[in-house]
Amino acid sequence: MVELTPEAIAKLPYRPCVGVVLTNAQGRIFAGQRADMETPAWQMPQGGVDAGETPLDAAYRELEEETGVGLAHVTFVRETADWLRYELPPEVIANRWGGRFRGQKQMWAQFQLDAPDDVINLTHKDEEFSAWRWMTAHEILTAIVPFKRDIYEAVFKEFGL
């Protein structure tokens, strides 16, 4: 494992990424239990922006890959006004994405689910989540890993959730 100094970390870029807030008719928010974690770690869908892709296109793609929920199942509600950033804990940086990024810069999109819950399919493509449930913003903030809490709070505030 490469030891990264604070100075080296400060020079690393942020990974361009999107996050998705999927809400149901009752205003509850989709949260998934990460499939790759031994201890419970709930989060909303997210993922990298591919070359040539707009953040909104990436949000639609990530939503479908991770939940099976496609374009025909949702209505676009809103997108964050700008990129939001979070830092990875120093002990995680060397192991995540080969130590190339200090954290992520994310554009967030909110979609309203217009279909029944049974369109949600966690094994549609990428098995990111082992379980899912509808949560309130407060419940998600309690369940999210601490280093992502500030960005989730900012998204919920901007979206009025």
C-alpha atoms as a PDB file:
ATOM      1  CA  MET A   1       0.000   0.000   0.000  1.00  0.00           C
ATOM      2  CA  VAL A   2       1.316   3.434  -0.950  1.00  0.00           C
ATOM      3  CA  GLU A   3       1.547   5.957   1.886  1.00  0.00           C
ATOM      4  CA  LEU A   4       0.144   9.275   0.713  1.00  0.00           C
ATOM      5  CA  THR A   5       1.202  12.434   2.526  1.00  0.00           C
ATOM      6  CA  PRO A   6      -1.332  15.204   3.188  1.00  0.00           C
ATOM      7  CA  GLU A   7       0.501  17.289   0.574  1.00  0.00           C
ATOM      8  CA  ALA A   8       0.216  14.520  -2.035  1.00  0.00           C
ATOM      9  CA  ILE A   9      -3.465  14.002  -1.228  1.00  0.00           C
ATOM     10  CA  ALA A  10      -4.166  17.742  -1.619  1.00  0.00           C
ATOM     11  CA  LYS A  11      -2.803  17.559  -5.189  1.00  0.00           C
ATOM     12  CA  LEU A  12      -5.069  14.687  -6.224  1.00  0.00           C
ATOM     13  CA  PRO A  13      -8.139  15.480  -8.348  1.00  0.00           C
ATOM     14  CA  TYR A  14     -11.751  14.632  -7.558  1.00  0.00           C
ATOM     15  CA  ARG A  15     -13.407  11.783  -9.456  1.00  0.00           C
ATOM     16  CA  PRO A  16     -16.338  13.068 -11.582  1.00  0.00           C
ATOM     17  CA  CYS A  17     -19.431  11.250 -10.420  1.00  0.00           C
ATOM     18  CA  VAL A  18     -23.207  11.452 -10.210  1.00  0.00           C
ATOM     19  CA  GLY A  19     -25.616  10.679  -7.420  1.00  0.00           C
ATOM     20  CA  VAL A  20     -29.301   9.803  -7.693  1.00  0.00           C
ATOM     21  CA  VAL A  21     -32.129  10.666  -5.328  1.00  0.00           C
ATOM     22  CA  LEU A  22     -35.014   8.373  -6.271  1.00  0.00           C
ATOM     23  CA  THR A  23     -38.235   9.302  -4.494  1.00  0.00           C
ATOM     24  CA  ASN A  24     -41.583   7.547  -4.371  1.00  0.00           C
ATOM     25  CA  ALA A  25     -45.076   9.071  -4.329  1.00  0.00           C
ATOM     26  CA  GLN A  26     -44.917   9.364  -0.525  1.00  0.00           C
ATOM     27  CA  GLY A  27     -41.689  11.387  -0.696  1.00  0.00           C
ATOM     28  CA  ARG A  28     -39.530   8.609   0.719  1.00  0.00           C
ATOM     29  CA  ILE A  29     -36.060   8.058  -0.731  1.00  0.00           C
ATOM     30  CA  PHE A  30     -34.506   4.883  -2.141  1.00  0.00           C
ATOM     31  CA  ALA A  31     -31.517   3.635  -0.136  1.00  0.00           C
ATOM     32  CA  GLY A  32     -29.503   0.532  -0.870  1.00  0.00           C
ATOM     33  CA  GLN A  33     -27.326  -1.601   1.386  1.00  0.00           C
ATOM     34  CA  ARG A  34     -23.912  -1.820  -0.275  1.00  0.00           C
ATOM     35  CA  ALA A  35     -23.250  -5.385  -1.399  1.00  0.00           C
ATOM     36  CA  ASP A  36     -19.473  -5.070  -0.946  1.00  0.00           C
ATOM     37  CA  MET A  37     -19.487  -4.123   2.748  1.00  0.00           C
ATOM     38  CA  GLU A  38     -19.466  -6.501   5.709  1.00  0.00           C
ATOM     39  CA  THR A  39     -20.966  -3.913   8.056  1.00  0.00           C
ATOM     40  CA  PRO A  40     -24.220  -2.158   7.118  1.00  0.00           C
ATOM     41  CA  ALA A  41     -23.572   0.767   4.765  1.00  0.00           C
ATOM     42  CA  TRP A  42     -26.622   2.348   3.160  1.00  0.00           C
ATOM     43  CA  GLN A  43     -26.435   4.868   0.343  1.00  0.00           C
ATOM     44  CA  MET A  44     -28.242   6.218  -2.701  1.00  0.00           C
ATOM     45  CA  PRO A  45     -27.224   5.139  -6.220  1.00  0.00           C
ATOM     46  CA  GLN A  46     -24.092   6.801  -7.543  1.00  0.00           C
ATOM     47  CA  GLY A  47     -21.295   6.228 -10.014  1.00  0.00           C
ATOM     48  CA  GLY A  48     -18.731   7.693 -12.343  1.00  0.00           C
ATOM     49  CA  VAL A  49     -19.381   9.840 -15.398  1.00  0.00           C
ATOM     50  CA  ASP A  50     -18.145   8.087 -18.554  1.00  0.00           C
ATOM     51  CA  ALA A  51     -16.246   9.920 -21.305  1.00  0.00           C
ATOM     52  CA  GLY A  52     -18.613  11.920 -23.515  1.00  0.00           C
ATOM     53  CA  GLU A  53     -21.509  11.535 -21.084  1.00  0.00           C
ATOM     54  CA  THR A  54     -23.414  14.409 -19.473  1.00  0.00           C
ATOM     55  CA  PRO A  55     -24.029  14.159 -15.730  1.00  0.00           C
ATOM     56  CA  LEU A  56     -27.760  13.706 -16.343  1.00  0.00           C
ATOM     57  CA  ASP A  57     -27.129  10.898 -18.841  1.00  0.00           C
ATOM     58  CA  ALA A  58     -24.803   9.272 -16.281  1.00  0.00           C
ATOM     59  CA  ALA A  59     -27.493   9.582 -13.598  1.00  0.00           C
ATOM     60  CA  TYR A  60     -30.050   7.775 -15.786  1.00  0.00           C
ATOM     61  CA  ARG A  61     -27.480   5.077 -16.619  1.00  0.00           C
ATOM     62  CA  GLU A  62     -26.388   4.548 -13.012  1.00  0.00           C
ATOM     63  CA  LEU A  63     -29.989   4.418 -11.813  1.00  0.00           C
ATOM     64  CA  GLU A  64     -30.799   1.676 -14.301  1.00  0.00           C
ATOM     65  CA  GLU A  65     -27.565  -0.277 -13.761  1.00  0.00           C
ATOM     66  CA  GLU A  66     -27.893  -0.303  -9.977  1.00  0.00           C
ATOM     67  CA  THR A  67     -31.677  -0.565  -9.514  1.00  0.00           C
ATOM     68  CA  GLY A  68     -33.168  -1.743 -12.815  1.00  0.00           C
ATOM     69  CA  VAL A  69     -35.293   1.431 -12.848  1.00  0.00           C
ATOM     70  CA  GLY A  70     -35.286   2.769 -16.402  1.00  0.00           C
ATOM     71  CA  LEU A  71     -36.130   6.042 -18.078  1.00  0.00           C
ATOM     72  CA  ALA A  72     -39.733   4.924 -18.688  1.00  0.00           C
ATOM     73  CA  HIS A  73     -40.228   4.377 -14.933  1.00  0.00           C
ATOM     74  CA  VAL A  74     -39.286   7.861 -13.706  1.00  0.00           C
ATOM     75  CA  THR A  75     -39.876  11.574 -14.082  1.00  0.00           C
ATOM     76  CA  PHE A  76     -36.885  13.910 -13.836  1.00  0.00           C
ATOM     77  CA  VAL A  77     -37.455  16.385 -10.978  1.00  0.00           C
ATOM     78  CA  ARG A  78     -34.283  18.439 -10.565  1.00  0.00           C
ATOM     79  CA  GLU A  79     -30.506  18.516 -10.634  1.00  0.00           C
ATOM     80  CA  THR A  80     -28.066  20.233  -8.274  1.00  0.00           C
ATOM     81  CA  ALA A  81     -26.998  23.694  -9.397  1.00  0.00           C
ATOM     82  CA  ASP A  82     -23.302  22.771  -9.257  1.00  0.00           C
ATOM     83  CA  TRP A  83     -20.855  19.997  -8.427  1.00  0.00           C
ATOM     84  CA  LEU A  84     -20.663  19.007  -4.761  1.00  0.00           C
ATOM     85  CA  ARG A  85     -17.464  17.505  -3.342  1.00  0.00           C
ATOM     86  CA  TYR A  86     -16.501  15.120  -0.612  1.00  0.00           C
ATOM     87  CA  GLU A  87     -13.136  13.913   0.621  1.00  0.00           C
ATOM     88  CA  LEU A  88     -12.325  10.285   1.236  1.00  0.00           C
ATOM     89  CA  PRO A  89     -10.768   9.482   4.611  1.00  0.00           C
ATOM     90  CA  PRO A  90      -6.951   9.410   4.192  1.00  0.00           C
ATOM     91  CA  GLU A  91      -6.808   5.697   5.047  1.00  0.00           C
ATOM     92  CA  VAL A  92      -9.237   4.918   2.188  1.00  0.00           C
ATOM     93  CA  ILE A  93      -7.606   6.971  -0.594  1.00  0.00           C
ATOM     94  CA  ALA A  94      -4.778   4.528  -1.409  1.00  0.00           C
ATOM     95  CA  ASN A  95      -7.209   1.606  -1.750  1.00  0.00           C
ATOM     96  CA  ARG A  96     -10.053   3.281  -3.669  1.00  0.00           C
ATOM     97  CA  TRP A  97      -9.584   3.881  -7.415  1.00  0.00           C
ATOM     98  CA  GLY A  98      -5.872   3.084  -7.182  1.00  0.00           C
ATOM     99  CA  GLY A  99      -5.083   6.176  -5.114  1.00  0.00           C
ATOM    100  CA  ARG A 100      -5.770   8.471  -8.080  1.00  0.00           C
ATOM    101  CA  PHE A 101      -8.505  10.605  -6.443  1.00  0.00           C
ATOM    102  CA  ARG A 102      -8.876  12.460  -3.150  1.00  0.00           C
ATOM    103  CA  GLY A 103     -12.651  12.125  -3.239  1.00  0.00           C
ATOM    104  CA  GLN A 104     -15.523  12.738  -5.598  1.00  0.00           C
ATOM    105  CA  LYS A 105     -17.193  15.719  -7.192  1.00  0.00           C
ATOM    106  CA  GLN A 106     -20.812  14.878  -7.804  1.00  0.00           C
ATOM    107  CA  MET A 107     -23.777  16.254  -9.673  1.00  0.00           C
ATOM    108  CA  TRP A 108     -27.012  14.967  -8.186  1.00  0.00           C
ATOM    109  CA  ALA A 109     -30.317  14.317  -9.917  1.00  0.00           C
ATOM    110  CA  GLN A 110     -33.700  13.626  -8.373  1.00  0.00           C
ATOM    111  CA  PHE A 111     -36.151  11.312 -10.099  1.00  0.00           C
ATOM    112  CA  GLN A 112     -39.718  10.454  -9.074  1.00  0.00           C
ATOM    113  CA  LEU A 113     -40.591   6.754  -9.442  1.00  0.00           C
ATOM    114  CA  ASP A 114     -43.791   6.503 -11.504  1.00  0.00           C
ATOM    115  CA  ALA A 115     -43.942   2.692 -11.557  1.00  0.00           C
ATOM    116  CA  PRO A 116     -44.658   0.059  -8.904  1.00  0.00           C
ATOM    117  CA  ASP A 117     -41.839  -0.938  -6.545  1.00  0.00           C
ATOM    118  CA  ASP A 118     -41.489  -4.278  -8.310  1.00  0.00           C
ATOM    119  CA  VAL A 119     -39.592  -2.591 -11.185  1.00  0.00           C
ATOM    120  CA  ILE A 120     -36.675  -2.313  -8.758  1.00  0.00           C
ATOM    121  CA  ASN A 121     -34.224  -5.103  -9.602  1.00  0.00           C
ATOM    122  CA  LEU A 122     -30.931  -5.033  -7.708  1.00  0.00           C
ATOM    123  CA  THR A 123     -29.352  -7.612 -10.026  1.00  0.00           C
ATOM    124  CA  HIS A 124     -30.288  -5.852 -13.294  1.00  0.00           C
ATOM    125  CA  LYS A 125     -26.634  -5.209 -14.209  1.00  0.00           C
ATOM    126  CA  ASP A 126     -24.229  -4.142 -11.450  1.00  0.00           C
ATOM    127  CA  GLU A 127     -24.954  -5.747  -8.113  1.00  0.00           C
ATOM    128  CA  GLU A 128     -24.128  -2.694  -6.008  1.00  0.00           C
ATOM    129  CA  PHE A 129     -26.810  -3.335  -3.397  1.00  0.00           C
ATOM    130  CA  SER A 130     -27.781  -6.461  -1.469  1.00  0.00           C
ATOM    131  CA  ALA A 131     -31.016  -4.956  -0.103  1.00  0.00           C
ATOM    132  CA  TRP A 132     -33.032  -1.760  -0.434  1.00  0.00           C
ATOM    133  CA  ARG A 133     -35.773   0.169   1.303  1.00  0.00           C
ATOM    134  CA  TRP A 134     -37.567   3.510   1.252  1.00  0.00           C
ATOM    135  CA  MET A 135     -36.195   5.877   3.911  1.00  0.00           C
ATOM    136  CA  THR A 136     -36.646   9.433   5.075  1.00  0.00           C
ATOM    137  CA  ALA A 137     -33.808  11.902   4.596  1.00  0.00           C
ATOM    138  CA  HIS A 138     -33.155  11.724   8.353  1.00  0.00           C
ATOM    139  CA  GLU A 139     -32.927   7.916   8.269  1.00  0.00           C
ATOM    140  CA  ILE A 140     -30.454   8.041   5.379  1.00  0.00           C
ATOM    141  CA  LEU A 141     -28.307  10.644   7.162  1.00  0.00           C
ATOM    142  CA  THR A 142     -28.174   8.333  10.173  1.00  0.00           C
ATOM    143  CA  ALA A 143     -27.256   5.280   8.058  1.00  0.00           C
ATOM    144  CA  ILE A 144     -24.736   6.828   5.613  1.00  0.00           C
ATOM    145  CA  VAL A 145     -20.995   6.527   6.213  1.00  0.00           C
ATOM    146  CA  PRO A 146     -19.810   9.642   8.065  1.00  0.00           C
ATOM    147  CA  PHE A 147     -17.552  10.971   5.286  1.00  0.00           C
ATOM    148  CA  LYS A 148     -20.554  11.256   2.915  1.00  0.00           C
ATOM    149  CA  ARG A 149     -22.947  12.815   5.442  1.00  0.00           C
ATOM    150  CA  ASP A 150     -22.175  16.460   4.581  1.00  0.00           C
ATOM    151  CA  ILE A 151     -22.769  15.975   0.853  1.00  0.00           C
ATOM    152  CA  TYR A 152     -26.044  14.129   1.533  1.00  0.00           C
ATOM    153  CA  GLU A 153     -27.154  16.960   3.828  1.00  0.00           C
ATOM    154  CA  ALA A 154     -26.320  19.505   1.103  1.00  0.00           C
ATOM    155  CA  VAL A 155     -28.284  17.554  -1.523  1.00  0.00           C
ATOM    156  CA  PHE A 156     -31.330  17.143   0.731  1.00  0.00           C
ATOM    157  CA  LYS A 157     -31.240  20.839   1.607  1.00  0.00           C
ATOM    158  CA  GLU A 158     -30.958  21.945  -2.023  1.00  0.00           C
ATOM    159  CA  PHE A 159     -33.774  19.587  -3.062  1.00  0.00           C
ATOM    160  CA  GLY A 160     -35.969  20.524  -0.089  1.00  0.00           C
ATOM    161  CA  LEU A 161     -36.168  16.948   1.227  1.00  0.00           C
END
